[in-house]
Amino acid sequence: MTSIDTIGTVTTRDDHQGSGTEPHRPGTTPRTTATASRLPLDVAENAFRLLMEGPQPLSVNGAKLCFGLPKREIPLDELRTILLHPLCARTIRDEVWRHLISQSRTHRGAWTVTAVALALPMLRRLVRTMAEQVTVEREDLEAEVLTCYLEALERVNLTWTQPLLRLFRLTRFAVLRAHAVEPPHLLADPDPVGDRSLSYPAGHPDLLLMDAVRQEIITAEAAEVIGMTRLEGVPLSVYCRRRGLLYCAVLKRRQRAEARLAKALIDGELSAASL
């Protein structure tokens, strides 16, 4: 049976597929092919390779970082192999990725290169998926994915579980936003057809929302959601995607705000006739 200590000597095909490097062998450093690729993700892979060839390659202390890792200094190229192995527990992956993201935010430079390199299998899969959804040159698409991923490194909440999955989602949403010429066709609004939502009066319902905010019946954030998704016709899913918000959370927030608006109208605290 393979142990976590021997995982570092096992490589994963998906990590190197289409990366312009040869598979890593124990005790060696991957070599680039004769013609170096200029694709952004291949450039990132090559930068990581050069980083690990330096006199003092980056490593982590497995004993201090996370229970379950080898209790020694682990070079980051070996750490990548460990994380990609199916025997690696999700708790280990989560803790390692929190550390990588924190180091990237704090120290930038080599740690950001590492955070990109260790995510390359995910980023390559994302590029393949996005290539079927957007019409753009491969080099431009990889550059867009890489840019969005670097932004996600700064935005992702480290208190959440599965930080790598969160990075994937934030990156994907950002790429879709960048190419959403017709957003409603990219992601249909999952609001039910028979949605019995509050019916807004004719005239100037935006003034009603402003009055509700002034009276502290609803918050300004809730008024914006209602104004954009009910009055301006922006699908709630598109609104959430553009702002990186969770659909279910915003849907519940809108429902609660509209319930308060309906009660205020019934109780006479708000008057549509005055608009």
C-alpha atoms as a PDB file:
ATOM      1  CA  MET A   1       0.000   0.000   0.000  1.00  0.00           C
ATOM      2  CA  THR A   2       1.279   3.460  -0.901  1.00  0.00           C
ATOM      3  CA  SER A   3       1.957   5.763   2.046  1.00  0.00           C
ATOM      4  CA  ILE A   4       1.900   9.542   2.148  1.00  0.00           C
ATOM      5  CA  ASP A   5       5.721   9.497   2.439  1.00  0.00           C
ATOM      6  CA  THR A   6       6.071   7.738  -0.911  1.00  0.00           C
ATOM      7  CA  ILE A   7       3.504   9.814  -2.750  1.00  0.00           C
ATOM      8  CA  GLY A   8       6.190  12.348  -3.635  1.00  0.00           C
ATOM      9  CA  THR A   9       7.823   9.805  -5.949  1.00  0.00           C
ATOM     10  CA  VAL A  10       4.617   9.258  -7.906  1.00  0.00           C
ATOM     11  CA  THR A  11       3.693  11.679 -10.672  1.00  0.00           C
ATOM     12  CA  THR A  12       0.288  12.462 -12.137  1.00  0.00           C
ATOM     13  CA  ARG A  13      -0.162  12.598 -15.909  1.00  0.00           C
ATOM     14  CA  ASP A  14      -2.698  15.409 -15.772  1.00  0.00           C
ATOM     15  CA  ASP A  15      -0.130  17.696 -14.149  1.00  0.00           C
ATOM     16  CA  HIS A  16       2.108  17.638 -17.208  1.00  0.00           C
ATOM     17  CA  GLN A  17      -0.368  17.039 -20.015  1.00  0.00           C
ATOM     18  CA  GLY A  18       0.097  19.785 -22.582  1.00  0.00           C
ATOM     19  CA  SER A  19       2.475  21.707 -20.326  1.00  0.00           C
ATOM     20  CA  GLY A  20       5.565  21.502 -22.520  1.00  0.00           C
ATOM     21  CA  THR A  21       7.518  19.540 -19.889  1.00  0.00           C
ATOM     22  CA  GLU A  22       8.583  15.940 -19.533  1.00  0.00           C
ATOM     23  CA  PRO A  23       7.097  13.887 -16.658  1.00  0.00           C
ATOM     24  CA  HIS A  24       9.028  14.337 -13.422  1.00  0.00           C
ATOM     25  CA  ARG A  25      11.215  11.432 -12.325  1.00  0.00           C
ATOM     26  CA  PRO A  26      12.446  10.992  -8.750  1.00  0.00           C
ATOM     27  CA  GLY A  27      15.729  12.815  -8.210  1.00  0.00           C
ATOM     28  CA  THR A  28      15.439  14.865 -11.407  1.00  0.00           C
ATOM     29  CA  THR A  29      13.957  18.182 -12.461  1.00  0.00           C
ATOM     30  CA  PRO A  30      11.537  18.251 -15.436  1.00  0.00           C
ATOM     31  CA  ARG A  31      13.150  19.573 -18.632  1.00  0.00           C
ATOM     32  CA  THR A  32      11.384  21.735 -21.155  1.00  0.00           C
ATOM     33  CA  THR A  33      11.023  20.508 -24.704  1.00  0.00           C
ATOM     34  CA  ALA A  34      13.346  21.828 -27.393  1.00  0.00           C
ATOM     35  CA  THR A  35      10.914  24.543 -28.446  1.00  0.00           C
ATOM     36  CA  ALA A  36       9.670  26.449 -25.422  1.00  0.00           C
ATOM     37  CA  SER A  37       5.976  27.281 -25.558  1.00  0.00           C
ATOM     38  CA  ARG A  38       4.908  30.912 -25.286  1.00  0.00           C
ATOM     39  CA  LEU A  39       1.460  30.063 -23.921  1.00  0.00           C
ATOM     40  CA  PRO A  40       0.978  31.770 -20.516  1.00  0.00           C
ATOM     41  CA  LEU A  41       0.379  28.559 -18.556  1.00  0.00           C
ATOM     42  CA  ASP A  42       3.452  26.928 -20.089  1.00  0.00           C
ATOM     43  CA  VAL A  43       5.471  30.032 -19.220  1.00  0.00           C
ATOM     44  CA  ALA A  44       4.219  29.711 -15.628  1.00  0.00           C
ATOM     45  CA  GLU A  45       5.270  26.051 -15.535  1.00  0.00           C
ATOM     46  CA  ASN A  46       8.712  26.934 -16.840  1.00  0.00           C
ATOM     47  CA  ALA A  47       9.083  29.733 -14.271  1.00  0.00           C
ATOM     48  CA  PHE A  48       8.296  27.256 -11.498  1.00  0.00           C
ATOM     49  CA  ARG A  49      10.826  24.766 -12.904  1.00  0.00           C
ATOM     50  CA  LEU A  50      13.535  27.441 -12.937  1.00  0.00           C
ATOM     51  CA  LEU A  51      12.568  28.454  -9.419  1.00  0.00           C
ATOM     52  CA  MET A  52      13.021  24.899  -8.178  1.00  0.00           C
ATOM     53  CA  GLU A  53      16.398  24.585  -9.946  1.00  0.00           C
ATOM     54  CA  GLY A  54      17.799  27.505  -7.950  1.00  0.00           C
ATOM     55  CA  PRO A  55      20.356  27.138  -5.154  1.00  0.00           C
ATOM     56  CA  GLN A  56      17.670  27.447  -2.475  1.00  0.00           C
ATOM     57  CA  PRO A  57      14.409  25.980  -3.833  1.00  0.00           C
ATOM     58  CA  LEU A  58      11.337  26.818  -1.806  1.00  0.00           C
ATOM     59  CA  SER A  59      10.045  24.177   0.571  1.00  0.00           C
ATOM     60  CA  VAL A  60       7.597  23.760   3.422  1.00  0.00           C
ATOM     61  CA  ASN A  61       8.056  22.095   6.790  1.00  0.00           C
ATOM     62  CA  GLY A  62       5.621  19.203   6.670  1.00  0.00           C
ATOM     63  CA  ALA A  63       5.726  18.653  10.431  1.00  0.00           C
ATOM     64  CA  LYS A  64       4.699  22.246  11.154  1.00  0.00           C
ATOM     65  CA  LEU A  65       2.326  22.801   8.255  1.00  0.00           C
ATOM     66  CA  CYS A  66      -0.161  19.987   8.513  1.00  0.00           C
ATOM     67  CA  PHE A  67      -0.736  16.649  10.200  1.00  0.00           C
ATOM     68  CA  GLY A  68      -0.441  13.886   7.626  1.00  0.00           C
ATOM     69  CA  LEU A  69       2.428  15.366   5.596  1.00  0.00           C
ATOM     70  CA  PRO A  70       5.926  13.868   5.792  1.00  0.00           C
ATOM     71  CA  LYS A  71       7.677  15.263   8.874  1.00  0.00           C
ATOM     72  CA  ARG A  72      10.510  16.963   7.007  1.00  0.00           C
ATOM     73  CA  GLU A  73      11.229  19.786   4.607  1.00  0.00           C
ATOM     74  CA  ILE A  74       9.224  19.159   1.435  1.00  0.00           C
ATOM     75  CA  PRO A  75      10.342  20.831  -1.831  1.00  0.00           C
ATOM     76  CA  LEU A  76       7.371  22.509  -3.505  1.00  0.00           C
ATOM     77  CA  ASP A  77       7.592  20.413  -6.671  1.00  0.00           C
ATOM     78  CA  GLU A  78       7.288  17.311  -4.482  1.00  0.00           C
ATOM     79  CA  LEU A  79       4.448  18.972  -2.579  1.00  0.00           C
ATOM     80  CA  ARG A  80       2.588  19.399  -5.869  1.00  0.00           C
ATOM     81  CA  THR A  81       2.892  15.678  -6.556  1.00  0.00           C
ATOM     82  CA  ILE A  82       1.586  14.897  -3.057  1.00  0.00           C
ATOM     83  CA  LEU A  83      -1.441  17.167  -3.479  1.00  0.00           C
ATOM     84  CA  LEU A  84      -2.332  15.626  -6.832  1.00  0.00           C
ATOM     85  CA  HIS A  85      -2.180  12.063  -5.556  1.00  0.00           C
ATOM     86  CA  PRO A  86      -5.585  10.406  -4.913  1.00  0.00           C
ATOM     87  CA  LEU A  87      -4.397   9.244  -1.468  1.00  0.00           C
ATOM     88  CA  CYS A  88      -3.974  12.834  -0.310  1.00  0.00           C
ATOM     89  CA  ALA A  89      -6.782  13.725   2.115  1.00  0.00           C
ATOM     90  CA  ARG A  90      -8.917  16.781   1.452  1.00  0.00           C
ATOM     91  CA  THR A  91      -8.020  18.201   4.875  1.00  0.00           C
ATOM     92  CA  ILE A  92      -4.351  18.171   3.873  1.00  0.00           C
ATOM     93  CA  ARG A  93      -5.091  19.828   0.534  1.00  0.00           C
ATOM     94  CA  ASP A  94      -7.189  22.512   2.229  1.00  0.00           C
ATOM     95  CA  GLU A  95      -4.552  23.331   4.834  1.00  0.00           C
ATOM     96  CA  VAL A  96      -1.727  23.411   2.300  1.00  0.00           C
ATOM     97  CA  TRP A  97      -3.696  25.667  -0.039  1.00  0.00           C
ATOM     98  CA  ARG A  98      -4.520  28.092   2.776  1.00  0.00           C
ATOM     99  CA  HIS A  99      -0.800  28.285   3.484  1.00  0.00           C
ATOM    100  CA  LEU A 100       0.097  28.823  -0.186  1.00  0.00           C
ATOM    101  CA  ILE A 101      -2.504  31.559  -0.615  1.00  0.00           C
ATOM    102  CA  SER A 102      -1.370  33.318   2.559  1.00  0.00           C
ATOM    103  CA  GLN A 103       2.269  33.151   1.479  1.00  0.00           C
ATOM    104  CA  SER A 104       1.391  34.491  -1.960  1.00  0.00           C
ATOM    105  CA  ARG A 105      -0.495  37.423  -0.439  1.00  0.00           C
ATOM    106  CA  THR A 106       2.289  38.191   2.020  1.00  0.00           C
ATOM    107  CA  HIS A 107       5.474  37.577   0.033  1.00  0.00           C
ATOM    108  CA  ARG A 108       4.327  37.697  -3.621  1.00  0.00           C
ATOM    109  CA  GLY A 109       7.101  36.748  -6.063  1.00  0.00           C
ATOM    110  CA  ALA A 110       8.169  33.127  -5.821  1.00  0.00           C
ATOM    111  CA  TRP A 111       5.191  32.156  -3.687  1.00  0.00           C
ATOM    112  CA  THR A 112       2.766  33.523  -6.272  1.00  0.00           C
ATOM    113  CA  VAL A 113       4.598  31.570  -8.973  1.00  0.00           C
ATOM    114  CA  THR A 114       4.169  28.502  -6.761  1.00  0.00           C
ATOM    115  CA  ALA A 115       0.459  29.165  -6.178  1.00  0.00           C
ATOM    116  CA  VAL A 116       0.004  29.296  -9.949  1.00  0.00           C
ATOM    117  CA  ALA A 117       2.148  26.242 -10.677  1.00  0.00           C
ATOM    118  CA  LEU A 118       0.395  24.025  -8.148  1.00  0.00           C
ATOM    119  CA  ALA A 119      -2.958  25.010  -9.641  1.00  0.00           C
ATOM    120  CA  LEU A 120      -1.933  24.382 -13.258  1.00  0.00           C
ATOM    121  CA  PRO A 121      -3.862  21.103 -13.683  1.00  0.00           C
ATOM    122  CA  MET A 122      -7.029  22.935 -12.577  1.00  0.00           C
ATOM    123  CA  LEU A 123      -6.254  25.962 -14.768  1.00  0.00           C
ATOM    124  CA  ARG A 124      -5.617  23.774 -17.823  1.00  0.00           C
ATOM    125  CA  ARG A 125      -8.938  21.994 -17.346  1.00  0.00           C
ATOM    126  CA  LEU A 126     -10.633  25.370 -17.019  1.00  0.00           C
ATOM    127  CA  VAL A 127      -9.037  26.598 -20.258  1.00  0.00           C
ATOM    128  CA  ARG A 128     -10.250  23.487 -22.087  1.00  0.00           C
ATOM    129  CA  THR A 129     -13.782  24.043 -20.764  1.00  0.00           C
ATOM    130  CA  MET A 130     -13.786  27.778 -21.499  1.00  0.00           C
ATOM    131  CA  ALA A 131     -12.531  27.175 -25.044  1.00  0.00           C
ATOM    132  CA  GLU A 132     -15.884  25.523 -25.767  1.00  0.00           C
ATOM    133  CA  GLN A 133     -17.847  28.500 -24.430  1.00  0.00           C
ATOM    134  CA  VAL A 134     -16.000  31.595 -25.646  1.00  0.00           C
ATOM    135  CA  THR A 135     -14.500  32.504 -29.019  1.00  0.00           C
ATOM    136  CA  VAL A 136     -10.978  33.724 -28.387  1.00  0.00           C
ATOM    137  CA  GLU A 137      -7.413  32.747 -29.276  1.00  0.00           C
ATOM    138  CA  ARG A 138      -5.859  30.123 -26.996  1.00  0.00           C
ATOM    139  CA  GLU A 139      -3.070  32.457 -25.870  1.00  0.00           C
ATOM    140  CA  ASP A 140      -5.540  35.222 -24.991  1.00  0.00           C
ATOM    141  CA  LEU A 141      -7.801  32.788 -23.157  1.00  0.00           C
ATOM    142  CA  GLU A 142      -4.923  31.427 -21.068  1.00  0.00           C
ATOM    143  CA  ALA A 143      -3.845  34.984 -20.246  1.00  0.00           C
ATOM    144  CA  GLU A 144      -7.405  35.832 -19.172  1.00  0.00           C
ATOM    145  CA  VAL A 145      -7.677  32.708 -17.015  1.00  0.00           C
ATOM    146  CA  LEU A 146      -4.313  33.415 -15.391  1.00  0.00           C
ATOM    147  CA  THR A 147      -5.233  37.052 -14.690  1.00  0.00           C
ATOM    148  CA  CYS A 148      -8.575  36.067 -13.165  1.00  0.00           C
ATOM    149  CA  TYR A 149      -6.889  33.380 -11.067  1.00  0.00           C
ATOM    150  CA  LEU A 150      -4.382  35.887  -9.660  1.00  0.00           C
ATOM    151  CA  GLU A 151      -7.291  38.163  -8.733  1.00  0.00           C
ATOM    152  CA  ALA A 152      -9.043  35.209  -7.089  1.00  0.00           C
ATOM    153  CA  LEU A 153      -5.941  34.555  -4.967  1.00  0.00           C
ATOM    154  CA  GLU A 154      -6.504  37.968  -3.396  1.00  0.00           C
ATOM    155  CA  ARG A 155     -10.266  37.580  -2.992  1.00  0.00           C
ATOM    156  CA  VAL A 156     -10.855  34.029  -1.804  1.00  0.00           C
ATOM    157  CA  ASN A 157     -12.009  33.700   1.807  1.00  0.00           C
ATOM    158  CA  LEU A 158      -9.547  31.497   3.691  1.00  0.00           C
ATOM    159  CA  THR A 159     -12.154  30.581   6.316  1.00  0.00           C
ATOM    160  CA  TRP A 160     -14.089  28.653   3.667  1.00  0.00           C
ATOM    161  CA  THR A 161     -13.595  24.940   3.104  1.00  0.00           C
ATOM    162  CA  GLN A 162     -11.995  23.676  -0.118  1.00  0.00           C
ATOM    163  CA  PRO A 163     -10.087  26.860  -1.023  1.00  0.00           C
ATOM    164  CA  LEU A 164      -8.889  25.403  -4.334  1.00  0.00           C
ATOM    165  CA  LEU A 165     -12.470  24.750  -5.408  1.00  0.00           C
ATOM    166  CA  ARG A 166     -13.366  28.327  -4.399  1.00  0.00           C
ATOM    167  CA  LEU A 167     -10.442  29.594  -6.478  1.00  0.00           C
ATOM    168  CA  PHE A 168     -11.719  27.582  -9.441  1.00  0.00           C
ATOM    169  CA  ARG A 169     -15.210  29.046  -9.142  1.00  0.00           C
ATOM    170  CA  LEU A 170     -14.034  32.636  -8.688  1.00  0.00           C
ATOM    171  CA  THR A 171     -11.724  32.282 -11.693  1.00  0.00           C
ATOM    172  CA  ARG A 172     -14.394  30.713 -13.871  1.00  0.00           C
ATOM    173  CA  PHE A 173     -17.003  33.337 -12.987  1.00  0.00           C
ATOM    174  CA  ALA A 174     -14.546  36.154 -13.694  1.00  0.00           C
ATOM    175  CA  VAL A 175     -13.665  34.724 -17.122  1.00  0.00           C
ATOM    176  CA  LEU A 176     -17.334  34.343 -17.979  1.00  0.00           C
ATOM    177  CA  ARG A 177     -17.998  37.934 -16.902  1.00  0.00           C
ATOM    178  CA  ALA A 178     -15.169  39.165 -19.108  1.00  0.00           C
ATOM    179  CA  HIS A 179     -16.666  37.457 -22.156  1.00  0.00           C
ATOM    180  CA  ALA A 180     -20.354  37.809 -21.319  1.00  0.00           C
ATOM    181  CA  VAL A 181     -21.494  39.775 -24.374  1.00  0.00           C
ATOM    182  CA  GLU A 182     -24.974  38.388 -23.794  1.00  0.00           C
ATOM    183  CA  PRO A 183     -24.918  37.324 -20.095  1.00  0.00           C
ATOM    184  CA  PRO A 184     -28.429  35.810 -19.939  1.00  0.00           C
ATOM    185  CA  HIS A 185     -27.425  33.212 -22.548  1.00  0.00           C
ATOM    186  CA  LEU A 186     -24.398  32.110 -20.537  1.00  0.00           C
ATOM    187  CA  LEU A 187     -26.348  31.290 -17.408  1.00  0.00           C
ATOM    188  CA  ALA A 188     -30.132  31.220 -17.370  1.00  0.00           C
ATOM    189  CA  ASP A 189     -31.823  32.708 -14.331  1.00  0.00           C
ATOM    190  CA  PRO A 190     -32.976  29.744 -12.198  1.00  0.00           C
ATOM    191  CA  ASP A 191     -35.830  31.738 -10.680  1.00  0.00           C
ATOM    192  CA  PRO A 192     -38.991  29.579 -10.835  1.00  0.00           C
ATOM    193  CA  VAL A 193     -41.425  30.457 -13.613  1.00  0.00           C
ATOM    194  CA  GLY A 194     -44.321  30.881 -11.234  1.00  0.00           C
ATOM    195  CA  ASP A 195     -42.443  33.184  -8.888  1.00  0.00           C
ATOM    196  CA  ARG A 196     -44.995  35.066  -6.800  1.00  0.00           C
ATOM    197  CA  SER A 197     -42.836  38.066  -6.082  1.00  0.00           C
ATOM    198  CA  LEU A 198     -43.892  41.493  -5.002  1.00  0.00           C
ATOM    199  CA  SER A 199     -45.588  43.411  -7.834  1.00  0.00           C
ATOM    200  CA  TYR A 200     -44.082  46.889  -8.066  1.00  0.00           C
ATOM    201  CA  PRO A 201     -46.322  49.898  -8.807  1.00  0.00           C
ATOM    202  CA  ALA A 202     -46.154  51.869 -12.036  1.00  0.00           C
ATOM    203  CA  GLY A 203     -44.548  55.295 -11.999  1.00  0.00           C
ATOM    204  CA  HIS A 204     -41.296  55.559 -10.064  1.00  0.00           C
ATOM    205  CA  PRO A 205     -40.807  52.410  -7.970  1.00  0.00           C
ATOM    206  CA  ASP A 206     -37.149  53.384  -7.520  1.00  0.00           C
ATOM    207  CA  LEU A 207     -38.393  56.264  -5.349  1.00  0.00           C
ATOM    208  CA  LEU A 208     -40.360  53.776  -3.272  1.00  0.00           C
ATOM    209  CA  LEU A 209     -37.169  51.810  -2.701  1.00  0.00           C
ATOM    210  CA  MET A 210     -35.322  54.991  -1.714  1.00  0.00           C
ATOM    211  CA  ASP A 211     -38.074  55.850   0.744  1.00  0.00           C
ATOM    212  CA  ALA A 212     -37.926  52.328   2.182  1.00  0.00           C
ATOM    213  CA  VAL A 213     -34.180  52.686   2.697  1.00  0.00           C
ATOM    214  CA  ARG A 214     -34.657  56.119   4.293  1.00  0.00           C
ATOM    215  CA  GLN A 215     -37.174  54.626   6.736  1.00  0.00           C
ATOM    216  CA  GLU A 216     -34.814  51.667   7.367  1.00  0.00           C
ATOM    217  CA  ILE A 217     -37.403  49.178   6.175  1.00  0.00           C
ATOM    218  CA  ILE A 218     -34.796  47.605   3.900  1.00  0.00           C
ATOM    219  CA  THR A 219     -31.062  48.133   3.480  1.00  0.00           C
ATOM    220  CA  ALA A 220     -29.417  49.997   0.618  1.00  0.00           C
ATOM    221  CA  GLU A 221     -27.868  46.695  -0.528  1.00  0.00           C
ATOM    222  CA  ALA A 222     -31.303  45.052  -0.669  1.00  0.00           C
ATOM    223  CA  ALA A 223     -32.672  48.035  -2.584  1.00  0.00           C
ATOM    224  CA  GLU A 224     -29.883  47.676  -5.145  1.00  0.00           C
ATOM    225  CA  VAL A 225     -30.635  43.961  -5.608  1.00  0.00           C
ATOM    226  CA  ILE A 226     -34.344  44.667  -6.075  1.00  0.00           C
ATOM    227  CA  GLY A 227     -33.715  47.627  -8.357  1.00  0.00           C
ATOM    228  CA  MET A 228     -31.334  45.711 -10.619  1.00  0.00           C
ATOM    229  CA  THR A 229     -33.146  42.373 -10.744  1.00  0.00           C
ATOM    230  CA  ARG A 230     -36.798  43.457 -10.539  1.00  0.00           C
ATOM    231  CA  LEU A 231     -36.908  46.917 -12.092  1.00  0.00           C
ATOM    232  CA  GLU A 232     -34.065  46.762 -14.607  1.00  0.00           C
ATOM    233  CA  GLY A 233     -34.665  43.132 -15.535  1.00  0.00           C
ATOM    234  CA  VAL A 234     -31.166  41.803 -14.805  1.00  0.00           C
ATOM    235  CA  PRO A 235     -31.437  38.071 -14.006  1.00  0.00           C
ATOM    236  CA  LEU A 236     -30.507  37.400 -10.402  1.00  0.00           C
ATOM    237  CA  SER A 237     -27.951  34.791 -11.479  1.00  0.00           C
ATOM    238  CA  VAL A 238     -26.197  37.349 -13.685  1.00  0.00           C
ATOM    239  CA  TYR A 239     -26.257  39.952 -10.902  1.00  0.00           C
ATOM    240  CA  CYS A 240     -24.624  37.460  -8.504  1.00  0.00           C
ATOM    241  CA  ARG A 241     -22.059  36.335 -11.035  1.00  0.00           C
ATOM    242  CA  ARG A 242     -20.961  39.895 -11.805  1.00  0.00           C
ATOM    243  CA  ARG A 243     -20.383  40.590  -8.114  1.00  0.00           C
ATOM    244  CA  GLY A 244     -19.025  37.207  -7.063  1.00  0.00           C
ATOM    245  CA  LEU A 245     -21.963  36.601  -4.716  1.00  0.00           C
ATOM    246  CA  LEU A 246     -23.686  33.353  -3.770  1.00  0.00           C
ATOM    247  CA  TYR A 247     -26.995  33.050  -5.621  1.00  0.00           C
ATOM    248  CA  CYS A 248     -28.929  31.368  -2.798  1.00  0.00           C
ATOM    249  CA  ALA A 249     -27.828  33.943  -0.226  1.00  0.00           C
ATOM    250  CA  VAL A 250     -28.843  36.896  -2.406  1.00  0.00           C
ATOM    251  CA  LEU A 251     -32.137  35.229  -3.329  1.00  0.00           C
ATOM    252  CA  LYS A 252     -33.054  34.832   0.349  1.00  0.00           C
ATOM    253  CA  ARG A 253     -31.969  38.411   1.071  1.00  0.00           C
ATOM    254  CA  ARG A 254     -34.213  39.687  -1.724  1.00  0.00           C
ATOM    255  CA  GLN A 255     -37.153  37.593  -0.540  1.00  0.00           C
ATOM    256  CA  ARG A 256     -36.843  38.927   3.012  1.00  0.00           C
ATOM    257  CA  ALA A 257     -36.572  42.518   1.791  1.00  0.00           C
ATOM    258  CA  GLU A 258     -39.626  42.164  -0.451  1.00  0.00           C
ATOM    259  CA  ALA A 259     -41.616  40.664   2.401  1.00  0.00           C
ATOM    260  CA  ARG A 260     -40.785  43.744   4.496  1.00  0.00           C
ATOM    261  CA  LEU A 261     -41.743  46.032   1.595  1.00  0.00           C
ATOM    262  CA  ALA A 262     -45.083  44.241   1.169  1.00  0.00           C
ATOM    263  CA  LYS A 263     -45.843  44.565   4.873  1.00  0.00           C
ATOM    264  CA  ALA A 264     -44.895  48.259   4.841  1.00  0.00           C
ATOM    265  CA  LEU A 265     -47.241  48.889   1.906  1.00  0.00           C
ATOM    266  CA  ILE A 266     -50.096  47.026   3.603  1.00  0.00           C
ATOM    267  CA  ASP A 267     -49.524  48.839   6.876  1.00  0.00           C
ATOM    268  CA  GLY A 268     -49.401  52.212   5.173  1.00  0.00           C
ATOM    269  CA  GLU A 269     -45.776  52.929   6.099  1.00  0.00           C
ATOM    270  CA  LEU A 270     -45.061  53.224   2.361  1.00  0.00           C
ATOM    271  CA  SER A 271     -47.490  54.630  -0.158  1.00  0.00           C
ATOM    272  CA  ALA A 272     -47.331  53.892  -3.864  1.00  0.00           C
ATOM    273  CA  ALA A 273     -49.822  56.694  -4.503  1.00  0.00           C
ATOM    274  CA  SER A 274     -47.331  59.288  -3.353  1.00  0.00           C
ATOM    275  CA  LEU A 275     -44.761  58.326  -5.959  1.00  0.00           C
END
